[in-house]
Structure formats: structure tokens, C-alpha cells
Protein backbone atom coordinates (compact mmCIF):
# COMPACT_ATOMS: atom_id res chain seq x y z
CA PHE A 1 105.26 -78.68 -5.64
CA PRO A 2 107.45 -76.08 -7.42
CA THR A 3 108.80 -78.43 -9.77
CA MET A 4 105.56 -79.67 -10.91
CA ALA A 5 103.94 -76.37 -11.17
CA ASN A 6 107.06 -75.18 -13.37
CA VAL A 7 106.38 -78.16 -15.57
CA GLY A 8 102.76 -77.55 -15.96
CA LEU A 9 103.16 -73.69 -16.55
CA SER A 10 106.00 -73.81 -19.25
CA PRO A 11 103.88 -74.66 -22.20
CA MET A 12 101.80 -71.62 -21.51
CA MET A 13 104.63 -69.13 -21.56
CA CYS A 14 105.16 -67.75 -24.99
CA TYR A 15 107.22 -65.11 -26.43
CA SER A 16 106.98 -63.08 -29.45
CA HIS A 17 109.72 -62.97 -32.37
CA PRO A 18 110.93 -59.71 -33.20
CA GLY A 19 108.89 -59.74 -36.61
CA GLY A 20 105.99 -60.07 -34.15
CA GLN A 21 104.29 -62.86 -36.34
CA MET A 22 105.25 -65.87 -34.83
CA HIS A 23 105.51 -66.98 -31.18
CA SER A 24 107.53 -69.66 -29.30
CA LEU A 25 107.72 -71.19 -26.20
CA MET A 26 110.25 -69.87 -23.53
CA LYS A 27 111.81 -73.09 -22.48
CA TYR A 28 111.33 -74.90 -25.93
CA SER A 29 112.40 -72.28 -28.34
CA ASN A 30 111.91 -74.56 -31.37
CA THR A 31 108.18 -75.29 -30.65
CA PHE A 32 105.72 -72.61 -32.05
CA CYS A 33 102.91 -71.79 -30.02
CA GLY A 34 99.63 -72.83 -31.48
CA THR A 35 100.85 -75.80 -33.40
CA SER A 36 99.92 -79.39 -32.69
CA ASP A 37 102.94 -80.07 -30.51
CA HIS A 38 102.25 -77.14 -28.56
CA VAL A 39 98.29 -78.30 -28.07
CA ILE A 40 99.86 -81.56 -26.98
CA MET A 41 102.11 -79.79 -24.45
CA LEU A 42 99.20 -77.41 -23.24
CA SER A 43 97.21 -80.36 -22.38
CA VAL A 44 99.53 -82.29 -20.35
CA GLY A 45 100.54 -79.22 -18.52
CA THR A 46 96.76 -78.52 -17.88
CA VAL A 47 96.40 -82.18 -16.46
CA SER A 48 99.87 -81.50 -14.45
CA LEU A 49 98.40 -78.48 -12.57
CA THR A 50 95.16 -79.96 -11.89
CA PHE A 51 96.76 -82.70 -9.92
CA THR A 52 99.35 -80.28 -8.46
CA THR A 53 96.54 -77.83 -7.39
CA GLY A 54 94.45 -80.91 -5.94
CA PHE A 55 97.29 -82.11 -4.01
CA LEU A 56 98.18 -78.39 -2.55
CA ALA A 57 94.32 -78.13 -1.93
CA LEU A 58 94.43 -81.55 -0.08
CA CYS A 59 97.47 -80.48 2.13
CA ILE A 60 95.85 -77.47 3.16
CA TRP A 61 92.64 -79.15 3.97
CA ALA A 62 94.44 -81.75 6.23
CA ALA A 63 96.39 -78.97 7.72
CA CYS A 64 93.37 -77.16 8.71
CA LYS A 65 91.48 -80.41 9.90
CA ALA A 66 94.56 -81.75 11.62
CA PRO A 67 93.46 -80.94 15.45
CA GLN A 68 90.14 -82.68 14.85
CA PHE A 69 91.79 -85.92 13.72
CA SER A 70 92.17 -88.85 16.18
CA TRP A 71 95.69 -90.18 16.87
CA GLN A 72 95.23 -92.76 14.00
CA GLY A 73 93.78 -90.53 11.49
CA GLN A 74 97.07 -88.17 12.03
CA ALA A 75 99.17 -91.06 10.53
CA ALA A 76 97.69 -90.52 7.12
CA VAL A 77 98.95 -86.83 6.96
CA LYS A 78 102.05 -87.30 9.29
CA PHE A 79 104.29 -85.95 6.52
CA LEU A 80 102.70 -82.61 6.92
CA PHE A 81 103.87 -82.38 10.50
CA ALA A 82 106.60 -84.71 11.09
CA ASP A 83 109.59 -82.17 11.23
CA PHE A 84 107.54 -79.21 12.45
CA ARG A 85 108.89 -77.92 15.93
């Protein structure tokens, strides 16, 4: 989760150049904010964040509903509770 969130957020982190007229990405300083390359990166990052947030919401939902699942239903979300002691 942290890696995918970092990948999704990296196109959204711009810094200002000392002159104040240009902005670049923090992780990829040769890419200027607002260019076509940046727009493509933003769209891929937004899709990545959407799936990451959806997976987090699914895990939270499964953890809240786990006591109500039957034993067969818990097999689908066993990865959430396998090492919990």
C-alpha cells in the first residue's frame, strides 16, 4: 500500500524554481508541471490512487465484517488475519 500510494502521489508533488516562473516534479526534476508529460503522469497517478484507495476500503470493510462471515467466507480474506495473534 505505501509504495503504490507513493507512486500515485509523486506526480502531484511540484516545487518552484528559484526564479518562480517554472515548476518541476520533486522526484523527476526534468519534467515540468503542466506539460503533456505531466498530464499523462497525473492521469496514471490518479488511476493508481483510485485502485489503492479502493483496495484499502475493501480491506477495512472485510475487517469490520469478518465476525459475521462463515468459516468458508473467511477463506477469501484470510490474508488479513493469518498472522494476527
